[in-house]
Amino acid sequence: MQEPTFLILTALADGPQHGYGIMSDVGEISAGRTRLRAGTLYAALDRLQGEGLIAADREEVVDGRLRRYYRLTDGGAAALAAEVEALHRRTEIAARRLAARPRLGGGAAPALGGLG
């Protein structure tokens, strides 16, 4: 799963959101590392809807502009859960290998707190 998809699904796991809310949440989740532009976001939302991972939730007019909200589907939640599990397994392997890695000057690397 590509990182923008992972971040969009993660944003929607908290509940339905409109496009700007998703963009803001993705920035927050990624600690500012990922910034989705409107064109990129809406192309991704269309694709994710087509794949059945998200669905339109509702629409409302705010300040004369239409706001469409999207929600995570059960299929989207299952795909996100599978990706979280895969990331968790890879992170555990990396943490074990780093912890066992010999350091220059001898001895093992210090344990990584909170990763395993």
PDB file of N, CA and C in Angstrom:
ATOM      1  N   MET A   1       0.856  -1.175   0.000  1.00  0.00           N
ATOM      2  CA  MET A   1       0.000   0.000   0.000  1.00  0.00           C
ATOM      3  C   MET A   1       0.902   1.240   0.000  1.00  0.00           C
ATOM      4  N   GLN A   2       0.612   2.164  -0.878  1.00  0.00           N
ATOM      5  CA  GLN A   2       1.385   3.400  -0.947  1.00  0.00           C
ATOM      6  C   GLN A   2       1.103   4.265   0.288  1.00  0.00           C
ATOM      7  N   GLU A   3       2.094   5.048   0.696  1.00  0.00           N
ATOM      8  CA  GLU A   3       1.947   5.856   1.906  1.00  0.00           C
ATOM      9  C   GLU A   3       0.754   6.819   1.865  1.00  0.00           C
ATOM     10  N   PRO A   4       0.500   7.536   0.749  1.00  0.00           N
ATOM     11  CA  PRO A   4      -0.671   8.425   0.757  1.00  0.00           C
ATOM     12  C   PRO A   4      -1.978   7.660   0.998  1.00  0.00           C
ATOM     13  N   THR A   5      -2.100   6.478   0.416  1.00  0.00           N
ATOM     14  CA  THR A   5      -3.302   5.661   0.638  1.00  0.00           C
ATOM     15  C   THR A   5      -3.407   5.283   2.104  1.00  0.00           C
ATOM     16  N   PHE A   6      -2.308   4.829   2.679  1.00  0.00           N
ATOM     17  CA  PHE A   6      -2.283   4.460   4.093  1.00  0.00           C
ATOM     18  C   PHE A   6      -2.711   5.639   4.965  1.00  0.00           C
ATOM     19  N   LEU A   7      -2.186   6.811   4.668  1.00  0.00           N
ATOM     20  CA  LEU A   7      -2.494   7.996   5.474  1.00  0.00           C
ATOM     21  C   LEU A   7      -3.949   8.437   5.306  1.00  0.00           C
ATOM     22  N   ILE A   8      -4.480   8.368   4.097  1.00  0.00           N
ATOM     23  CA  ILE A   8      -5.888   8.732   3.870  1.00  0.00           C
ATOM     24  C   ILE A   8      -6.798   7.766   4.615  1.00  0.00           C
ATOM     25  N   LEU A   9      -6.533   6.468   4.494  1.00  0.00           N
ATOM     26  CA  LEU A   9      -7.360   5.485   5.201  1.00  0.00           C
ATOM     27  C   LEU A   9      -7.238   5.664   6.711  1.00  0.00           C
ATOM     28  N   THR A  10      -6.041   5.972   7.183  1.00  0.00           N
ATOM     29  CA  THR A  10      -5.847   6.213   8.615  1.00  0.00           C
ATOM     30  C   THR A  10      -6.648   7.432   9.071  1.00  0.00           C
ATOM     31  N   ALA A  11      -6.640   8.482   8.279  1.00  0.00           N
ATOM     32  CA  ALA A  11      -7.419   9.679   8.617  1.00  0.00           C
ATOM     33  C   ALA A  11      -8.901   9.335   8.717  1.00  0.00           C
ATOM     34  N   LEU A  12      -9.391   8.532   7.788  1.00  0.00           N
ATOM     35  CA  LEU A  12     -10.818   8.199   7.771  1.00  0.00           C
ATOM     36  C   LEU A  12     -11.197   7.145   8.808  1.00  0.00           C
ATOM     37  N   ALA A  13     -10.204   6.462   9.377  1.00  0.00           N
ATOM     38  CA  ALA A  13     -10.493   5.476  10.423  1.00  0.00           C
ATOM     39  C   ALA A  13     -11.052   6.151  11.668  1.00  0.00           C
ATOM     40  N   ASP A  14     -10.806   7.453  11.801  1.00  0.00           N
ATOM     41  CA  ASP A  14     -11.299   8.206  12.954  1.00  0.00           C
ATOM     42  C   ASP A  14     -12.728   8.687  12.760  1.00  0.00           C
ATOM     43  N   GLY A  15     -13.261   8.551  11.544  1.00  0.00           N
ATOM     44  CA  GLY A  15     -14.622   8.980  11.248  1.00  0.00           C
ATOM     45  C   GLY A  15     -14.669   9.742   9.940  1.00  0.00           C
ATOM     46  N   PRO A  16     -15.879   9.997   9.419  1.00  0.00           N
ATOM     47  CA  PRO A  16     -16.023  10.701   8.138  1.00  0.00           C
ATOM     48  C   PRO A  16     -15.383  12.087   8.164  1.00  0.00           C
ATOM     49  N   GLN A  17     -14.779  12.456   7.030  1.00  0.00           N
ATOM     50  CA  GLN A  17     -14.154  13.772   6.900  1.00  0.00           C
ATOM     51  C   GLN A  17     -14.334  14.278   5.481  1.00  0.00           C
ATOM     52  N   HIS A  18     -14.273  15.592   5.343  1.00  0.00           N
ATOM     53  CA  HIS A  18     -14.280  16.207   4.007  1.00  0.00           C
ATOM     54  C   HIS A  18     -12.835  16.357   3.549  1.00  0.00           C
ATOM     55  N   GLY A  19     -12.652  16.726   2.292  1.00  0.00           N
ATOM     56  CA  GLY A  19     -11.330  16.776   1.691  1.00  0.00           C
ATOM     57  C   GLY A  19     -10.309  17.583   2.458  1.00  0.00           C
ATOM     58  N   TYR A  20     -10.646  18.808   2.841  1.00  0.00           N
ATOM     59  CA  TYR A  20      -9.688  19.642   3.557  1.00  0.00           C
ATOM     60  C   TYR A  20      -9.330  19.011   4.900  1.00  0.00           C
ATOM     61  N   GLY A  21     -10.322  18.426   5.562  1.00  0.00           N
ATOM     62  CA  GLY A  21     -10.059  17.751   6.834  1.00  0.00           C
ATOM     63  C   GLY A  21      -9.100  16.589   6.654  1.00  0.00           C
ATOM     64  N   ILE A  22      -9.263  15.833   5.570  1.00  0.00           N
ATOM     65  CA  ILE A  22      -8.363  14.718   5.290  1.00  0.00           C
ATOM     66  C   ILE A  22      -6.949  15.238   5.047  1.00  0.00           C
ATOM     67  N   MET A  23      -6.829  16.305   4.225  1.00  0.00           N
ATOM     68  CA  MET A  23      -5.498  16.871   3.954  1.00  0.00           C
ATOM     69  C   MET A  23      -4.820  17.315   5.249  1.00  0.00           C
ATOM     70  N   SER A  24      -5.557  17.979   6.117  1.00  0.00           N
ATOM     71  CA  SER A  24      -4.999  18.444   7.392  1.00  0.00           C
ATOM     72  C   SER A  24      -4.598  17.273   8.279  1.00  0.00           C
ATOM     73  N   ASP A  25      -5.455  16.264   8.346  1.00  0.00           N
ATOM     74  CA  ASP A  25      -5.197  15.105   9.188  1.00  0.00           C
ATOM     75  C   ASP A  25      -3.984  14.333   8.682  1.00  0.00           C
ATOM     76  N   VAL A  26      -3.855  14.180   7.371  1.00  0.00           N
ATOM     77  CA  VAL A  26      -2.695  13.494   6.801  1.00  0.00           C
ATOM     78  C   VAL A  26      -1.413  14.227   7.188  1.00  0.00           C
ATOM     79  N   GLY A  27      -1.432  15.550   7.134  1.00  0.00           N
ATOM     80  CA  GLY A  27      -0.267  16.324   7.553  1.00  0.00           C
ATOM     81  C   GLY A  27       0.067  16.086   9.012  1.00  0.00           C
ATOM     82  N   GLU A  28      -0.955  16.026   9.843  1.00  0.00           N
ATOM     83  CA  GLU A  28      -0.742  15.802  11.274  1.00  0.00           C
ATOM     84  C   GLU A  28      -0.240  14.387  11.544  1.00  0.00           C
ATOM     85  N   ILE A  29      -0.869  13.385  10.926  1.00  0.00           N
ATOM     86  CA  ILE A  29      -0.481  11.991  11.132  1.00  0.00           C
ATOM     87  C   ILE A  29       0.969  11.768  10.708  1.00  0.00           C
ATOM     88  N   SER A  30       1.371  12.407   9.619  1.00  0.00           N
ATOM     89  CA  SER A  30       2.720  12.218   9.093  1.00  0.00           C
ATOM     90  C   SER A  30       3.729  13.202   9.682  1.00  0.00           C
ATOM     91  N   ALA A  31       3.331  13.942  10.688  1.00  0.00           N
ATOM     92  CA  ALA A  31       4.191  14.947  11.326  1.00  0.00           C
ATOM     93  C   ALA A  31       4.725  15.936  10.290  1.00  0.00           C
ATOM     94  N   GLY A  32       3.861  16.299   9.331  1.00  0.00           N
ATOM     95  CA  GLY A  32       4.215  17.283   8.324  1.00  0.00           C
ATOM     96  C   GLY A  32       5.040  16.751   7.162  1.00  0.00           C
ATOM     97  N   ARG A  33       5.359  15.474   7.175  1.00  0.00           N
ATOM     98  CA  ARG A  33       6.190  14.890   6.126  1.00  0.00           C
ATOM     99  C   ARG A  33       5.440  14.721   4.813  1.00  0.00           C
ATOM    100  N   THR A  34       4.129  14.484   4.882  1.00  0.00           N
ATOM    101  CA  THR A  34       3.326  14.300   3.682  1.00  0.00           C
ATOM    102  C   THR A  34       2.299  15.407   3.595  1.00  0.00           C
ATOM    103  N   ARG A  35       2.309  16.109   2.464  1.00  0.00           N
ATOM    104  CA  ARG A  35       1.325  17.158   2.207  1.00  0.00           C
ATOM    105  C   ARG A  35       0.623  16.812   0.916  1.00  0.00           C
ATOM    106  N   LEU A  36      -0.654  16.535   1.019  1.00  0.00           N
ATOM    107  CA  LEU A  36      -1.432  16.199  -0.172  1.00  0.00           C
ATOM    108  C   LEU A  36      -1.998  17.470  -0.790  1.00  0.00           C
ATOM    109  N   ARG A  37      -1.822  17.619  -2.078  1.00  0.00           N
ATOM    110  CA  ARG A  37      -2.452  18.728  -2.799  1.00  0.00           C
ATOM    111  C   ARG A  37      -3.861  18.295  -3.177  1.00  0.00           C
ATOM    112  N   ALA A  38      -4.717  19.264  -3.411  1.00  0.00           N
ATOM    113  CA  ALA A  38      -6.129  18.967  -3.697  1.00  0.00           C
ATOM    114  C   ALA A  38      -6.280  18.009  -4.871  1.00  0.00           C
ATOM    115  N   GLY A  39      -5.584  18.250  -5.970  1.00  0.00           N
ATOM    116  CA  GLY A  39      -5.705  17.385  -7.141  1.00  0.00           C
ATOM    117  C   GLY A  39      -5.296  15.957  -6.844  1.00  0.00           C
ATOM    118  N   THR A  40      -4.202  15.802  -6.108  1.00  0.00           N
ATOM    119  CA  THR A  40      -3.718  14.469  -5.720  1.00  0.00           C
ATOM    120  C   THR A  40      -4.718  13.786  -4.804  1.00  0.00           C
ATOM    121  N   LEU A  41      -5.234  14.535  -3.832  1.00  0.00           N
ATOM    122  CA  LEU A  41      -6.187  13.963  -2.883  1.00  0.00           C
ATOM    123  C   LEU A  41      -7.448  13.491  -3.591  1.00  0.00           C
ATOM    124  N   TYR A  42      -8.047  14.339  -4.422  1.00  0.00           N
ATOM    125  CA  TYR A  42      -9.318  13.963  -5.028  1.00  0.00           C
ATOM    126  C   TYR A  42      -9.159  12.842  -6.043  1.00  0.00           C
ATOM    127  N   ALA A  43      -8.006  12.760  -6.706  1.00  0.00           N
ATOM    128  CA  ALA A  43      -7.745  11.612  -7.585  1.00  0.00           C
ATOM    129  C   ALA A  43      -7.648  10.340  -6.742  1.00  0.00           C
ATOM    130  N   ALA A  44      -6.980  10.431  -5.598  1.00  0.00           N
ATOM    131  CA  ALA A  44      -6.856   9.276  -4.704  1.00  0.00           C
ATOM    132  C   ALA A  44      -8.215   8.886  -4.136  1.00  0.00           C
ATOM    133  N   LEU A  45      -9.033   9.871  -3.759  1.00  0.00           N
ATOM    134  CA  LEU A  45     -10.361   9.566  -3.220  1.00  0.00           C
ATOM    135  C   LEU A  45     -11.224   8.864  -4.267  1.00  0.00           C
ATOM    136  N   ASP A  46     -11.155   9.327  -5.515  1.00  0.00           N
ATOM    137  CA  ASP A  46     -11.901   8.666  -6.597  1.00  0.00           C
ATOM    138  C   ASP A  46     -11.437   7.218  -6.764  1.00  0.00           C
ATOM    139  N   ARG A  47     -10.128   7.014  -6.753  1.00  0.00           N
ATOM    140  CA  ARG A  47      -9.577   5.665  -6.909  1.00  0.00           C
ATOM    141  C   ARG A  47      -9.992   4.773  -5.741  1.00  0.00           C
ATOM    142  N   LEU A  48      -9.885   5.290  -4.518  1.00  0.00           N
ATOM    143  CA  LEU A  48     -10.240   4.508  -3.337  1.00  0.00           C
ATOM    144  C   LEU A  48     -11.727   4.180  -3.305  1.00  0.00           C
ATOM    145  N   GLN A  49     -12.560   5.109  -3.793  1.00  0.00           N
ATOM    146  CA  GLN A  49     -13.993   4.817  -3.906  1.00  0.00           C
ATOM    147  C   GLN A  49     -14.210   3.696  -4.915  1.00  0.00           C
ATOM    148  N   GLY A  50     -13.528   3.774  -6.045  1.00  0.00           N
ATOM    149  CA  GLY A  50     -13.645   2.745  -7.075  1.00  0.00           C
ATOM    150  C   GLY A  50     -13.221   1.373  -6.583  1.00  0.00           C
ATOM    151  N   GLU A  51     -12.263   1.348  -5.677  1.00  0.00           N
ATOM    152  CA  GLU A  51     -11.775   0.090  -5.102  1.00  0.00           C
ATOM    153  C   GLU A  51     -12.639  -0.383  -3.936  1.00  0.00           C
ATOM    154  N   GLY A  52     -13.620   0.429  -3.538  1.00  0.00           N
ATOM    155  CA  GLY A  52     -14.503   0.052  -2.443  1.00  0.00           C
ATOM    156  C   GLY A  52     -13.904   0.225  -1.064  1.00  0.00           C
ATOM    157  N   LEU A  53     -12.791   0.953  -0.959  1.00  0.00           N
ATOM    158  CA  LEU A  53     -12.147   1.152   0.335  1.00  0.00           C
ATOM    159  C   LEU A  53     -12.740   2.316   1.116  1.00  0.00           C
ATOM    160  N   ILE A  54     -13.316   3.279   0.405  1.00  0.00           N
ATOM    161  CA  ILE A  54     -14.019   4.399   1.033  1.00  0.00           C
ATOM    162  C   ILE A  54     -15.329   4.614   0.288  1.00  0.00           C
ATOM    163  N   ALA A  55     -16.214   5.376   0.893  1.00  0.00           N
ATOM    164  CA  ALA A  55     -17.490   5.710   0.263  1.00  0.00           C
ATOM    165  C   ALA A  55     -17.865   7.134   0.630  1.00  0.00           C
ATOM    166  N   ALA A  56     -18.656   7.763  -0.228  1.00  0.00           N
ATOM    167  CA  ALA A  56     -19.195   9.079   0.105  1.00  0.00           C
ATOM    168  C   ALA A  56     -20.140   8.895   1.283  1.00  0.00           C
ATOM    169  N   ASP A  57     -20.047   9.770   2.260  1.00  0.00           N
ATOM    170  CA  ASP A  57     -20.857   9.657   3.471  1.00  0.00           C
ATOM    171  C   ASP A  57     -22.045  10.607   3.415  1.00  0.00           C
ATOM    172  N   ARG A  58     -21.761  11.881   3.121  1.00  0.00           N
ATOM    173  CA  ARG A  58     -22.824  12.884   3.033  1.00  0.00           C
ATOM    174  C   ARG A  58     -22.252  14.132   2.375  1.00  0.00           C
ATOM    175  N   GLU A  59     -23.135  15.062   2.045  1.00  0.00           N
ATOM    176  CA  GLU A  59     -22.729  16.353   1.494  1.00  0.00           C
ATOM    177  C   GLU A  59     -23.442  17.440   2.272  1.00  0.00           C
ATOM    178  N   GLU A  60     -22.772  18.591   2.382  1.00  0.00           N
ATOM    179  CA  GLU A  60     -23.392  19.742   3.006  1.00  0.00           C
ATOM    180  C   GLU A  60     -22.833  21.000   2.346  1.00  0.00           C
ATOM    181  N   VAL A  61     -23.581  22.074   2.434  1.00  0.00           N
ATOM    182  CA  VAL A  61     -23.129  23.351   1.884  1.00  0.00           C
ATOM    183  C   VAL A  61     -22.652  24.215   3.039  1.00  0.00           C
ATOM    184  N   VAL A  62     -21.408  24.697   2.920  1.00  0.00           N
ATOM    185  CA  VAL A  62     -20.805  25.550   3.937  1.00  0.00           C
ATOM    186  C   VAL A  62     -20.283  26.784   3.228  1.00  0.00           C
ATOM    187  N   ASP A  63     -20.767  27.957   3.625  1.00  0.00           N
ATOM    188  CA  ASP A  63     -20.359  29.218   2.994  1.00  0.00           C
ATOM    189  C   ASP A  63     -20.546  29.172   1.481  1.00  0.00           C
ATOM    190  N   GLY A  64     -21.637  28.556   1.057  1.00  0.00           N
ATOM    191  CA  GLY A  64     -21.962  28.501  -0.360  1.00  0.00           C
ATOM    192  C   GLY A  64     -21.178  27.466  -1.159  1.00  0.00           C
ATOM    193  N   ARG A  65     -20.357  26.668  -0.486  1.00  0.00           N
ATOM    194  CA  ARG A  65     -19.559  25.656  -1.175  1.00  0.00           C
ATOM    195  C   ARG A  65     -19.990  24.270  -0.720  1.00  0.00           C
ATOM    196  N   LEU A  66     -20.032  23.359  -1.675  1.00  0.00           N
ATOM    197  CA  LEU A  66     -20.405  21.980  -1.377  1.00  0.00           C
ATOM    198  C   LEU A  66     -19.227  21.263  -0.722  1.00  0.00           C
ATOM    199  N   ARG A  67     -19.511  20.599   0.381  1.00  0.00           N
ATOM    200  CA  ARG A  67     -18.511  19.809   1.088  1.00  0.00           C
ATOM    201  C   ARG A  67     -18.964  18.356   1.071  1.00  0.00           C
ATOM    202  N   ARG A  68     -18.164  17.485   0.483  1.00  0.00           N
ATOM    203  CA  ARG A  68     -18.484  16.061   0.466  1.00  0.00           C
ATOM    204  C   ARG A  68     -17.637  15.359   1.526  1.00  0.00           C
ATOM    205  N   TYR A  69     -18.293  14.563   2.337  1.00  0.00           N
ATOM    206  CA  TYR A  69     -17.609  13.796   3.372  1.00  0.00           C
ATOM    207  C   TYR A  69     -17.433  12.360   2.897  1.00  0.00           C
ATOM    208  N   TYR A  70     -16.312  11.768   3.280  1.00  0.00           N
ATOM    209  CA  TYR A  70     -16.001  10.388   2.924  1.00  0.00           C
ATOM    210  C   TYR A  70     -15.839   9.578   4.198  1.00  0.00           C
ATOM    211  N   ARG A  71     -16.123   8.287   4.092  1.00  0.00           N
ATOM    212  CA  ARG A  71     -15.971   7.392   5.239  1.00  0.00           C
ATOM    213  C   ARG A  71     -15.245   6.129   4.806  1.00  0.00           C
ATOM    214  N   LEU A  72     -14.636   5.484   5.754  1.00  0.00           N
ATOM    215  CA  LEU A  72     -13.955   4.217   5.540  1.00  0.00           C
ATOM    216  C   LEU A  72     -15.003   3.112   5.455  1.00  0.00           C
ATOM    217  N   THR A  73     -14.901   2.239   4.477  1.00  0.00           N
ATOM    218  CA  THR A  73     -15.801   1.087   4.383  1.00  0.00           C
ATOM    219  C   THR A  73     -15.223  -0.063   5.201  1.00  0.00           C
ATOM    220  N   ASP A  74     -15.998  -1.123   5.360  1.00  0.00           N
ATOM    221  CA  ASP A  74     -15.480  -2.310   6.046  1.00  0.00           C
ATOM    222  C   ASP A  74     -14.281  -2.879   5.287  1.00  0.00           C
ATOM    223  N   GLY A  75     -14.364  -2.858   3.956  1.00  0.00           N
ATOM    224  CA  GLY A  75     -13.238  -3.323   3.150  1.00  0.00           C
ATOM    225  C   GLY A  75     -12.006  -2.452   3.335  1.00  0.00           C
ATOM    226  N   GLY A  76     -12.221  -1.151   3.454  1.00  0.00           N
ATOM    227  CA  GLY A  76     -11.117  -0.229   3.697  1.00  0.00           C
ATOM    228  C   GLY A  76     -10.490  -0.459   5.058  1.00  0.00           C
ATOM    229  N   ALA A  77     -11.335  -0.714   6.058  1.00  0.00           N
ATOM    230  CA  ALA A  77     -10.825  -0.992   7.403  1.00  0.00           C
ATOM    231  C   ALA A  77     -10.020  -2.284   7.406  1.00  0.00           C
ATOM    232  N   ALA A  78     -10.480  -3.296   6.672  1.00  0.00           N
ATOM    233  CA  ALA A  78      -9.755  -4.566   6.595  1.00  0.00           C
ATOM    234  C   ALA A  78      -8.410  -4.377   5.890  1.00  0.00           C
ATOM    235  N   ALA A  79      -8.391  -3.591   4.812  1.00  0.00           N
ATOM    236  CA  ALA A  79      -7.141  -3.328   4.085  1.00  0.00           C
ATOM    237  C   ALA A  79      -6.162  -2.562   4.969  1.00  0.00           C
ATOM    238  N   LEU A  80      -6.662  -1.574   5.717  1.00  0.00           N
ATOM    239  CA  LEU A  80      -5.808  -0.801   6.621  1.00  0.00           C
ATOM    240  C   LEU A  80      -5.272  -1.695   7.734  1.00  0.00           C
ATOM    241  N   ALA A  81      -6.113  -2.533   8.305  1.00  0.00           N
ATOM    242  CA  ALA A  81      -5.675  -3.444   9.370  1.00  0.00           C
ATOM    243  C   ALA A  81      -4.594  -4.398   8.866  1.00  0.00           C
ATOM    244  N   ALA A  82      -4.740  -4.907   7.647  1.00  0.00           N
ATOM    245  CA  ALA A  82      -3.733  -5.803   7.069  1.00  0.00           C
ATOM    246  C   ALA A  82      -2.411  -5.071   6.880  1.00  0.00           C
ATOM    247  N   GLU A  83      -2.471  -3.819   6.433  1.00  0.00           N
ATOM    248  CA  GLU A  83      -1.249  -3.034   6.243  1.00  0.00           C
ATOM    249  C   GLU A  83      -0.591  -2.730   7.581  1.00  0.00           C
ATOM    250  N   VAL A  84      -1.379  -2.406   8.596  1.00  0.00           N
ATOM    251  CA  VAL A  84      -0.827  -2.145   9.930  1.00  0.00           C
ATOM    252  C   VAL A  84      -0.103  -3.393  10.440  1.00  0.00           C
ATOM    253  N   GLU A  85      -0.698  -4.554  10.254  1.00  0.00           N
ATOM    254  CA  GLU A  85      -0.076  -5.809  10.691  1.00  0.00           C
ATOM    255  C   GLU A  85       1.233  -6.060   9.943  1.00  0.00           C
ATOM    256  N   ALA A  86       1.239  -5.824   8.640  1.00  0.00           N
ATOM    257  CA  ALA A  86       2.453  -6.016   7.837  1.00  0.00           C
ATOM    258  C   ALA A  86       3.548  -5.040   8.282  1.00  0.00           C
ATOM    259  N   LEU A  87       3.180  -3.785   8.521  1.00  0.00           N
ATOM    260  CA  LEU A  87       4.152  -2.797   9.002  1.00  0.00           C
ATOM    261  C   LEU A  87       4.696  -3.187  10.373  1.00  0.00           C
ATOM    262  N   HIS A  88       3.818  -3.684  11.215  1.00  0.00           N
ATOM    263  CA  HIS A  88       4.232  -4.101  12.560  1.00  0.00           C
ATOM    264  C   HIS A  88       5.257  -5.233  12.473  1.00  0.00           C
ATOM    265  N   ARG A  89       4.994  -6.227  11.631  1.00  0.00           N
ATOM    266  CA  ARG A  89       5.939  -7.345  11.472  1.00  0.00           C
ATOM    267  C   ARG A  89       7.291  -6.851  10.962  1.00  0.00           C
ATOM    268  N   ARG A  90       7.268  -5.973   9.956  1.00  0.00           N
ATOM    269  CA  ARG A  90       8.530  -5.453   9.412  1.00  0.00           C
ATOM    270  C   ARG A  90       9.278  -4.614  10.450  1.00  0.00           C
ATOM    271  N   THR A  91       8.548  -3.842  11.235  1.00  0.00           N
ATOM    272  CA  THR A  91       9.176  -3.021  12.269  1.00  0.00           C
ATOM    273  C   THR A  91       9.821  -3.891  13.341  1.00  0.00           C
ATOM    274  N   GLU A  92       9.157  -4.968  13.728  1.00  0.00           N
ATOM    275  CA  GLU A  92       9.728  -5.881  14.727  1.00  0.00           C
ATOM    276  C   GLU A  92      11.022  -6.507  14.215  1.00  0.00           C
ATOM    277  N   ILE A  93      11.033  -6.923  12.962  1.00  0.00           N
ATOM    278  CA  ILE A  93      12.242  -7.511  12.376  1.00  0.00           C
ATOM    279  C   ILE A  93      13.370  -6.495  12.374  1.00  0.00           C
ATOM    280  N   ALA A  94      13.081  -5.271  11.926  1.00  0.00           N
ATOM    281  CA  ALA A  94      14.107  -4.224  11.893  1.00  0.00           C
ATOM    282  C   ALA A  94      14.635  -3.938  13.290  1.00  0.00           C
ATOM    283  N   ALA A  95      13.763  -3.861  14.284  1.00  0.00           N
ATOM    284  CA  ALA A  95      14.181  -3.571  15.659  1.00  0.00           C
ATOM    285  C   ALA A  95      15.068  -4.688  16.200  1.00  0.00           C
ATOM    286  N   ARG A  96      14.688  -5.944  15.942  1.00  0.00           N
ATOM    287  CA  ARG A  96      15.512  -7.073  16.411  1.00  0.00           C
ATOM    288  C   ARG A  96      16.888  -7.037  15.765  1.00  0.00           C
ATOM    289  N   ARG A  97      16.917  -6.779  14.459  1.00  0.00           N
ATOM    290  CA  ARG A  97      18.204  -6.767  13.759  1.00  0.00           C
ATOM    291  C   ARG A  97      19.076  -5.608  14.214  1.00  0.00           C
ATOM    292  N   LEU A  98      18.473  -4.450  14.447  1.00  0.00           N
ATOM    293  CA  LEU A  98      19.245  -3.322  14.953  1.00  0.00           C
ATOM    294  C   LEU A  98      19.784  -3.600  16.354  1.00  0.00           C
ATOM    295  N   ALA A  99      18.972  -4.219  17.185  1.00  0.00           N
ATOM    296  CA  ALA A  99      19.390  -4.508  18.557  1.00  0.00           C
ATOM    297  C   ALA A  99      20.537  -5.514  18.580  1.00  0.00           C
ATOM    298  N   ALA A 100      20.572  -6.428  17.630  1.00  0.00           N
ATOM    299  CA  ALA A 100      21.606  -7.463  17.584  1.00  0.00           C
ATOM    300  C   ALA A 100      22.844  -7.013  16.807  1.00  0.00           C
ATOM    301  N   ARG A 101      22.767  -5.883  16.153  1.00  0.00           N
ATOM    302  CA  ARG A 101      23.866  -5.397  15.301  1.00  0.00           C
ATOM    303  C   ARG A 101      25.084  -5.052  16.141  1.00  0.00           C
ATOM    304  N   PRO A 102      26.234  -5.635  15.766  1.00  0.00           N
ATOM    305  CA  PRO A 102      27.457  -5.272  16.477  1.00  0.00           C
ATOM    306  C   PRO A 102      27.806  -3.808  16.210  1.00  0.00           C
ATOM    307  N   ARG A 103      28.267  -3.146  17.222  1.00  0.00           N
ATOM    308  CA  ARG A 103      28.654  -1.744  17.089  1.00  0.00           C
ATOM    309  C   ARG A 103      30.157  -1.658  16.956  1.00  0.00           C
ATOM    310  N   LEU A 104      30.616  -0.579  16.341  1.00  0.00           N
ATOM    311  CA  LEU A 104      32.058  -0.344  16.288  1.00  0.00           C
ATOM    312  C   LEU A 104      32.556  -0.219  17.712  1.00  0.00           C
ATOM    313  N   GLY A 105      33.613  -0.881  18.022  1.00  0.00           N
ATOM    314  CA  GLY A 105      34.127  -0.844  19.382  1.00  0.00           C
ATOM    315  C   GLY A 105      33.570  -1.973  20.237  1.00  0.00           C
ATOM    316  N   GLY A 106      32.741  -2.840  19.625  1.00  0.00           N
ATOM    317  CA  GLY A 106      32.238  -4.013  20.329  1.00  0.00           C
ATOM    318  C   GLY A 106      30.911  -3.774  21.020  1.00  0.00           C
ATOM    319  N   GLY A 107      30.252  -4.836  21.354  1.00  0.00           N
ATOM    320  CA  GLY A 107      28.978  -4.784  22.061  1.00  0.00           C
ATOM    321  C   GLY A 107      27.813  -4.590  21.129  1.00  0.00           C
ATOM    322  N   ALA A 108      26.673  -4.943  21.617  1.00  0.00           N
ATOM    323  CA  ALA A 108      25.434  -4.808  20.853  1.00  0.00           C
ATOM    324  C   ALA A 108      24.923  -3.375  20.947  1.00  0.00           C
ATOM    325  N   ALA A 109      24.111  -3.010  19.999  1.00  0.00           N
ATOM    326  CA  ALA A 109      23.493  -1.686  20.009  1.00  0.00           C
ATOM    327  C   ALA A 109      22.521  -1.597  21.183  1.00  0.00           C
ATOM    328  N   PRO A 110      22.287  -0.404  21.713  1.00  0.00           N
ATOM    329  CA  PRO A 110      21.332  -0.271  22.817  1.00  0.00           C
ATOM    330  C   PRO A 110      19.930  -0.662  22.352  1.00  0.00           C
ATOM    331  N   ALA A 111      19.151  -1.164  23.281  1.00  0.00           N
ATOM    332  CA  ALA A 111      17.769  -1.569  22.965  1.00  0.00           C
ATOM    333  C   ALA A 111      16.960  -0.369  22.521  1.00  0.00           C
ATOM    334  N   LEU A 112      16.032  -0.614  21.590  1.00  0.00           N
ATOM    335  CA  LEU A 112      15.141   0.437  21.117  1.00  0.00           C
ATOM    336  C   LEU A 112      13.874   0.397  21.948  1.00  0.00           C
ATOM    337  N   GLY A 113      13.606   1.427  22.672  1.00  0.00           N
ATOM    338  CA  GLY A 113      12.424   1.459  23.521  1.00  0.00           C
ATOM    339  C   GLY A 113      11.142   1.601  22.721  1.00  0.00           C
ATOM    340  N   GLY A 114      10.115   0.841  23.082  1.00  0.00           N
ATOM    341  CA  GLY A 114       8.785   0.994  22.503  1.00  0.00           C
ATOM    342  C   GLY A 114       8.603   0.392  21.129  1.00  0.00           C
ATOM    343  N   LEU A 115       9.553  -0.363  20.607  1.00  0.00           N
ATOM    344  CA  LEU A 115       9.374  -0.919  19.266  1.00  0.00           C
ATOM    345  C   LEU A 115       9.169  -2.419  19.298  1.00  0.00           C
ATOM    346  N   GLY A 116       8.957  -3.007  20.346  1.00  0.00           N
ATOM    347  CA  GLY A 116       8.794  -4.448  20.257  1.00  0.00           C
ATOM    348  C   GLY A 116       8.194  -4.973  21.435  1.00  0.00           C
TER     349      GLY A 116
END
